Amino acid sequence: MFKSVTYVGLENQPELRRQAEVATQVLAEEVTRFQENLSVEWTLGENLPASLCVQLTLDLPTGSARAK
């Protein structure tokens, strides 16, 4: 699994939290090569109601990179 997975702002959004948890499993299957060095953060989307935003942080021995 991932180094870490957080669900920021989803405490009172059980359906979005469930969707993020399901999507995390799908993402894990797609990113198996790097997943032990990846941190995943889920937040509420800013522009659309009932939407999710994911941020991935890849920690490598030579540095880090982020993608939203």
PDB file of N, CA and C in Angstrom:
ATOM      1  N   MET A   1       0.837  -1.177   0.000  1.00  0.00           N
ATOM      2  CA  MET A   1       0.000   0.000   0.000  1.00  0.00           C
ATOM      3  C   MET A   1       0.883   1.242   0.000  1.00  0.00           C
ATOM      4  N   PHE A   2       0.261   2.400   0.036  1.00  0.00           N
ATOM      5  CA  PHE A   2       0.986   3.660  -0.021  1.00  0.00           C
ATOM      6  C   PHE A   2       1.685   3.981   1.293  1.00  0.00           C
ATOM      7  N   LYS A   3       2.668   4.840   1.201  1.00  0.00           N
ATOM      8  CA  LYS A   3       3.359   5.338   2.380  1.00  0.00           C
ATOM      9  C   LYS A   3       2.344   5.963   3.340  1.00  0.00           C
ATOM     10  N   SER A   4       1.429   6.766   2.815  1.00  0.00           N
ATOM     11  CA  SER A   4       0.353   7.331   3.625  1.00  0.00           C
ATOM     12  C   SER A   4      -0.809   7.732   2.719  1.00  0.00           C
ATOM     13  N   VAL A   5      -1.989   7.730   3.286  1.00  0.00           N
ATOM     14  CA  VAL A   5      -3.200   8.190   2.603  1.00  0.00           C
ATOM     15  C   VAL A   5      -3.977   9.010   3.617  1.00  0.00           C
ATOM     16  N   THR A   6      -4.321  10.249   3.273  1.00  0.00           N
ATOM     17  CA  THR A   6      -5.133  11.081   4.157  1.00  0.00           C
ATOM     18  C   THR A   6      -6.379  11.539   3.410  1.00  0.00           C
ATOM     19  N   TYR A   7      -7.405  11.804   4.169  1.00  0.00           N
ATOM     20  CA  TYR A   7      -8.697  12.226   3.617  1.00  0.00           C
ATOM     21  C   TYR A   7      -9.073  13.549   4.284  1.00  0.00           C
ATOM     22  N   VAL A   8      -8.489  14.644   3.804  1.00  0.00           N
ATOM     23  CA  VAL A   8      -8.649  15.960   4.412  1.00  0.00           C
ATOM     24  C   VAL A   8     -10.025  16.531   4.080  1.00  0.00           C
ATOM     25  N   GLY A   9     -10.759  16.927   5.095  1.00  0.00           N
ATOM     26  CA  GLY A   9     -12.061  17.545   4.906  1.00  0.00           C
ATOM     27  C   GLY A   9     -13.186  16.586   4.569  1.00  0.00           C
ATOM     28  N   LEU A  10     -12.917  15.289   4.601  1.00  0.00           N
ATOM     29  CA  LEU A  10     -13.942  14.317   4.245  1.00  0.00           C
ATOM     30  C   LEU A  10     -14.592  13.671   5.470  1.00  0.00           C
ATOM     31  N   GLU A  11     -14.301  14.202   6.665  1.00  0.00           N
ATOM     32  CA  GLU A  11     -14.822  13.609   7.894  1.00  0.00           C
ATOM     33  C   GLU A  11     -16.348  13.575   7.906  1.00  0.00           C
ATOM     34  N   ASN A  12     -16.982  14.610   7.390  1.00  0.00           N
ATOM     35  CA  ASN A  12     -18.444  14.701   7.391  1.00  0.00           C
ATOM     36  C   ASN A  12     -19.034  14.435   6.013  1.00  0.00           C
ATOM     37  N   GLN A  13     -18.279  13.793   5.162  1.00  0.00           N
ATOM     38  CA  GLN A  13     -18.691  13.480   3.795  1.00  0.00           C
ATOM     39  C   GLN A  13     -18.525  11.975   3.559  1.00  0.00           C
ATOM     40  N   PRO A  14     -19.354  11.137   4.185  1.00  0.00           N
ATOM     41  CA  PRO A  14     -19.128   9.687   4.126  1.00  0.00           C
ATOM     42  C   PRO A  14     -19.154   9.106   2.709  1.00  0.00           C
ATOM     43  N   GLU A  15     -20.005   9.620   1.841  1.00  0.00           N
ATOM     44  CA  GLU A  15     -20.059   9.079   0.481  1.00  0.00           C
ATOM     45  C   GLU A  15     -18.799   9.443  -0.300  1.00  0.00           C
ATOM     46  N   LEU A  16     -18.341  10.688  -0.175  1.00  0.00           N
ATOM     47  CA  LEU A  16     -17.094  11.078  -0.849  1.00  0.00           C
ATOM     48  C   LEU A  16     -15.907  10.329  -0.253  1.00  0.00           C
ATOM     49  N   ARG A  17     -15.910  10.118   1.050  1.00  0.00           N
ATOM     50  CA  ARG A  17     -14.837   9.357   1.693  1.00  0.00           C
ATOM     51  C   ARG A  17     -14.801   7.936   1.126  1.00  0.00           C
ATOM     52  N   ARG A  18     -15.982   7.313   1.000  1.00  0.00           N
ATOM     53  CA  ARG A  18     -16.048   5.960   0.451  1.00  0.00           C
ATOM     54  C   ARG A  18     -15.537   5.941  -0.979  1.00  0.00           C
ATOM     55  N   GLN A  19     -15.905   6.937  -1.782  1.00  0.00           N
ATOM     56  CA  GLN A  19     -15.433   7.005  -3.166  1.00  0.00           C
ATOM     57  C   GLN A  19     -13.925   7.175  -3.217  1.00  0.00           C
ATOM     58  N   ALA A  20     -13.377   7.996  -2.335  1.00  0.00           N
ATOM     59  CA  ALA A  20     -11.923   8.192  -2.290  1.00  0.00           C
ATOM     60  C   ALA A  20     -11.223   6.899  -1.879  1.00  0.00           C
ATOM     61  N   GLU A  21     -11.795   6.152  -0.943  1.00  0.00           N
ATOM     62  CA  GLU A  21     -11.201   4.882  -0.518  1.00  0.00           C
ATOM     63  C   GLU A  21     -11.193   3.872  -1.664  1.00  0.00           C
ATOM     64  N   VAL A  22     -12.294   3.809  -2.418  1.00  0.00           N
ATOM     65  CA  VAL A  22     -12.355   2.914  -3.574  1.00  0.00           C
ATOM     66  C   VAL A  22     -11.333   3.352  -4.629  1.00  0.00           C
ATOM     67  N   ALA A  23     -11.272   4.657  -4.897  1.00  0.00           N
ATOM     68  CA  ALA A  23     -10.327   5.173  -5.892  1.00  0.00           C
ATOM     69  C   ALA A  23      -8.883   4.941  -5.459  1.00  0.00           C
ATOM     70  N   THR A  24      -8.629   4.954  -4.146  1.00  0.00           N
ATOM     71  CA  THR A  24      -7.277   4.679  -3.645  1.00  0.00           C
ATOM     72  C   THR A  24      -6.853   3.267  -4.008  1.00  0.00           C
ATOM     73  N   GLN A  25      -7.763   2.320  -3.894  1.00  0.00           N
ATOM     74  CA  GLN A  25      -7.450   0.936  -4.263  1.00  0.00           C
ATOM     75  C   GLN A  25      -7.145   0.825  -5.754  1.00  0.00           C
ATOM     76  N   VAL A  26      -7.941   1.497  -6.569  1.00  0.00           N
ATOM     77  CA  VAL A  26      -7.705   1.486  -8.018  1.00  0.00           C
ATOM     78  C   VAL A  26      -6.361   2.131  -8.326  1.00  0.00           C
ATOM     79  N   LEU A  27      -6.090   3.268  -7.687  1.00  0.00           N
ATOM     80  CA  LEU A  27      -4.820   3.959  -7.889  1.00  0.00           C
ATOM     81  C   LEU A  27      -3.640   3.077  -7.486  1.00  0.00           C
ATOM     82  N   ALA A  28      -3.784   2.346  -6.391  1.00  0.00           N
ATOM     83  CA  ALA A  28      -2.710   1.459  -5.932  1.00  0.00           C
ATOM     84  C   ALA A  28      -2.385   0.393  -6.970  1.00  0.00           C
ATOM     85  N   GLU A  29      -3.401  -0.110  -7.626  1.00  0.00           N
ATOM     86  CA  GLU A  29      -3.162  -1.115  -8.668  1.00  0.00           C
ATOM     87  C   GLU A  29      -2.435  -0.523  -9.868  1.00  0.00           C
ATOM     88  N   GLU A  30      -2.666   0.753 -10.147  1.00  0.00           N
ATOM     89  CA  GLU A  30      -2.043   1.413 -11.293  1.00  0.00           C
ATOM     90  C   GLU A  30      -0.616   1.877 -11.009  1.00  0.00           C
ATOM     91  N   VAL A  31      -0.285   2.109  -9.750  1.00  0.00           N
ATOM     92  CA  VAL A  31       0.998   2.712  -9.407  1.00  0.00           C
ATOM     93  C   VAL A  31       1.858   1.766  -8.577  1.00  0.00           C
ATOM     94  N   THR A  32       1.786   0.501  -8.832  1.00  0.00           N
ATOM     95  CA  THR A  32       2.466  -0.486  -7.986  1.00  0.00           C
ATOM     96  C   THR A  32       3.974  -0.267  -7.903  1.00  0.00           C
ATOM     97  N   ARG A  33       4.587   0.211  -8.938  1.00  0.00           N
ATOM     98  CA  ARG A  33       6.042   0.368  -8.943  1.00  0.00           C
ATOM     99  C   ARG A  33       6.524   1.401  -7.925  1.00  0.00           C
ATOM    100  N   PHE A  34       5.761   2.473  -7.740  1.00  0.00           N
ATOM    101  CA  PHE A  34       6.196   3.563  -6.865  1.00  0.00           C
ATOM    102  C   PHE A  34       5.405   3.674  -5.572  1.00  0.00           C
ATOM    103  N   GLN A  35       4.414   2.823  -5.355  1.00  0.00           N
ATOM    104  CA  GLN A  35       3.475   3.070  -4.273  1.00  0.00           C
ATOM    105  C   GLN A  35       4.099   3.132  -2.885  1.00  0.00           C
ATOM    106  N   GLU A  36       5.189   2.446  -2.642  1.00  0.00           N
ATOM    107  CA  GLU A  36       5.797   2.506  -1.317  1.00  0.00           C
ATOM    108  C   GLU A  36       6.451   3.850  -1.043  1.00  0.00           C
ATOM    109  N   ASN A  37       6.665   4.648  -2.095  1.00  0.00           N
ATOM    110  CA  ASN A  37       7.246   5.980  -1.943  1.00  0.00           C
ATOM    111  C   ASN A  37       6.234   7.084  -2.185  1.00  0.00           C
ATOM    112  N   LEU A  38       4.972   6.722  -2.351  1.00  0.00           N
ATOM    113  CA  LEU A  38       3.922   7.699  -2.648  1.00  0.00           C
ATOM    114  C   LEU A  38       3.078   8.003  -1.419  1.00  0.00           C
ATOM    115  N   SER A  39       2.797   9.284  -1.232  1.00  0.00           N
ATOM    116  CA  SER A  39       1.806   9.715  -0.251  1.00  0.00           C
ATOM    117  C   SER A  39       0.610  10.225  -1.040  1.00  0.00           C
ATOM    118  N   VAL A  40      -0.579   9.910  -0.556  1.00  0.00           N
ATOM    119  CA  VAL A  40      -1.815  10.287  -1.233  1.00  0.00           C
ATOM    120  C   VAL A  40      -2.635  11.141  -0.273  1.00  0.00           C
ATOM    121  N   GLU A  41      -3.129  12.282  -0.767  1.00  0.00           N
ATOM    122  CA  GLU A  41      -3.992  13.136   0.050  1.00  0.00           C
ATOM    123  C   GLU A  41      -5.255  13.460  -0.730  1.00  0.00           C
ATOM    124  N   TRP A  42      -6.401  13.132  -0.166  1.00  0.00           N
ATOM    125  CA  TRP A  42      -7.707  13.432  -0.755  1.00  0.00           C
ATOM    126  C   TRP A  42      -8.290  14.646  -0.055  1.00  0.00           C
ATOM    127  N   THR A  43      -8.811  15.606  -0.826  1.00  0.00           N
ATOM    128  CA  THR A  43      -9.488  16.777  -0.275  1.00  0.00           C
ATOM    129  C   THR A  43     -10.772  17.020  -1.060  1.00  0.00           C
ATOM    130  N   LEU A  44     -11.605  17.871  -0.517  1.00  0.00           N
ATOM    131  CA  LEU A  44     -12.809  18.265  -1.230  1.00  0.00           C
ATOM    132  C   LEU A  44     -12.420  19.105  -2.435  1.00  0.00           C
ATOM    133  N   GLY A  45     -13.097  18.905  -3.552  1.00  0.00           N
ATOM    134  CA  GLY A  45     -12.837  19.712  -4.742  1.00  0.00           C
ATOM    135  C   GLY A  45     -13.248  21.151  -4.514  1.00  0.00           C
ATOM    136  N   GLU A  46     -12.574  22.066  -5.158  1.00  0.00           N
ATOM    137  CA  GLU A  46     -12.831  23.485  -4.943  1.00  0.00           C
ATOM    138  C   GLU A  46     -13.910  24.040  -5.865  1.00  0.00           C
ATOM    139  N   ASN A  47     -14.035  23.531  -7.069  1.00  0.00           N
ATOM    140  CA  ASN A  47     -14.890  24.156  -8.071  1.00  0.00           C
ATOM    141  C   ASN A  47     -16.232  23.486  -8.280  1.00  0.00           C
ATOM    142  N   LEU A  48     -16.328  22.215  -7.981  1.00  0.00           N
ATOM    143  CA  LEU A  48     -17.578  21.481  -8.212  1.00  0.00           C
ATOM    144  C   LEU A  48     -18.100  20.911  -6.907  1.00  0.00           C
ATOM    145  N   PRO A  49     -19.406  21.020  -6.674  1.00  0.00           N
ATOM    146  CA  PRO A  49     -19.951  20.401  -5.453  1.00  0.00           C
ATOM    147  C   PRO A  49     -19.809  18.878  -5.516  1.00  0.00           C
ATOM    148  N   ALA A  50     -19.596  18.286  -4.371  1.00  0.00           N
ATOM    149  CA  ALA A  50     -19.468  16.827  -4.259  1.00  0.00           C
ATOM    150  C   ALA A  50     -18.374  16.280  -5.155  1.00  0.00           C
ATOM    151  N   SER A  51     -17.237  16.989  -5.228  1.00  0.00           N
ATOM    152  CA  SER A  51     -16.109  16.504  -6.030  1.00  0.00           C
ATOM    153  C   SER A  51     -14.901  16.287  -5.129  1.00  0.00           C
ATOM    154  N   LEU A  52     -13.952  15.508  -5.626  1.00  0.00           N
ATOM    155  CA  LEU A  52     -12.742  15.173  -4.884  1.00  0.00           C
ATOM    156  C   LEU A  52     -11.510  15.663  -5.636  1.00  0.00           C
ATOM    157  N   CYS A  53     -10.471  15.982  -4.888  1.00  0.00           N
ATOM    158  CA  CYS A  53      -9.178  16.350  -5.448  1.00  0.00           C
ATOM    159  C   CYS A  53      -8.145  15.410  -4.820  1.00  0.00           C
ATOM    160  N   VAL A  54      -7.224  14.926  -5.621  1.00  0.00           N
ATOM    161  CA  VAL A  54      -6.177  14.044  -5.098  1.00  0.00           C
ATOM    162  C   VAL A  54      -4.815  14.689  -5.348  1.00  0.00           C
ATOM    163  N   GLN A  55      -3.948  14.606  -4.346  1.00  0.00           N
ATOM    164  CA  GLN A  55      -2.572  15.078  -4.482  1.00  0.00           C
ATOM    165  C   GLN A  55      -1.642  13.908  -4.201  1.00  0.00           C
ATOM    166  N   LEU A  56      -0.722  13.669  -5.103  1.00  0.00           N
ATOM    167  CA  LEU A  56       0.259  12.597  -4.948  1.00  0.00           C
ATOM    168  C   LEU A  56       1.625  13.213  -4.690  1.00  0.00           C
ATOM    169  N   THR A  57       2.336  12.689  -3.716  1.00  0.00           N
ATOM    170  CA  THR A  57       3.697  13.127  -3.434  1.00  0.00           C
ATOM    171  C   THR A  57       4.601  11.913  -3.522  1.00  0.00           C
ATOM    172  N   LEU A  58       5.578  11.976  -4.418  1.00  0.00           N
ATOM    173  CA  LEU A  58       6.525  10.882  -4.615  1.00  0.00           C
ATOM    174  C   LEU A  58       7.843  11.266  -3.959  1.00  0.00           C
ATOM    175  N   ASP A  59       8.233  10.509  -2.931  1.00  0.00           N
ATOM    176  CA  ASP A  59       9.488  10.750  -2.228  1.00  0.00           C
ATOM    177  C   ASP A  59      10.548   9.803  -2.764  1.00  0.00           C
ATOM    178  N   LEU A  60      11.588  10.382  -3.337  1.00  0.00           N
ATOM    179  CA  LEU A  60      12.705   9.611  -3.879  1.00  0.00           C
ATOM    180  C   LEU A  60      13.974   9.963  -3.123  1.00  0.00           C
ATOM    181  N   PRO A  61      14.992   9.115  -3.176  1.00  0.00           N
ATOM    182  CA  PRO A  61      16.235   9.409  -2.472  1.00  0.00           C
ATOM    183  C   PRO A  61      16.854  10.746  -2.883  1.00  0.00           C
ATOM    184  N   THR A  62      16.575  11.189  -4.099  1.00  0.00           N
ATOM    185  CA  THR A  62      17.169  12.433  -4.582  1.00  0.00           C
ATOM    186  C   THR A  62      16.259  13.646  -4.414  1.00  0.00           C
ATOM    187  N   GLY A  63      15.034  13.471  -3.884  1.00  0.00           N
ATOM    188  CA  GLY A  63      14.115  14.601  -3.709  1.00  0.00           C
ATOM    189  C   GLY A  63      12.679  14.154  -3.747  1.00  0.00           C
ATOM    190  N   SER A  64      11.779  15.119  -3.897  1.00  0.00           N
ATOM    191  CA  SER A  64      10.344  14.848  -3.919  1.00  0.00           C
ATOM    192  C   SER A  64       9.713  15.536  -5.123  1.00  0.00           C
ATOM    193  N   ALA A  65       8.552  15.033  -5.514  1.00  0.00           N
ATOM    194  CA  ALA A  65       7.769  15.659  -6.580  1.00  0.00           C
ATOM    195  C   ALA A  65       6.306  15.538  -6.204  1.00  0.00           C
ATOM    196  N   ARG A  66       5.500  16.541  -6.581  1.00  0.00           N
ATOM    197  CA  ARG A  66       4.064  16.522  -6.296  1.00  0.00           C
ATOM    198  C   ARG A  66       3.281  16.686  -7.564  1.00  0.00           C
ATOM    199  N   ALA A  67       2.098  16.080  -7.582  1.00  0.00           N
ATOM    200  CA  ALA A  67       1.178  16.232  -8.704  1.00  0.00           C
ATOM    201  C   ALA A  67      -0.225  16.346  -8.151  1.00  0.00           C
ATOM    202  N   LYS A  68      -1.006  17.237  -8.742  1.00  0.00           N
ATOM    203  CA  LYS A  68      -2.415  17.379  -8.354  1.00  0.00           C
ATOM    204  C   LYS A  68      -3.280  17.001  -9.506  1.00  0.00           C
TER     205      LYS A  68
END
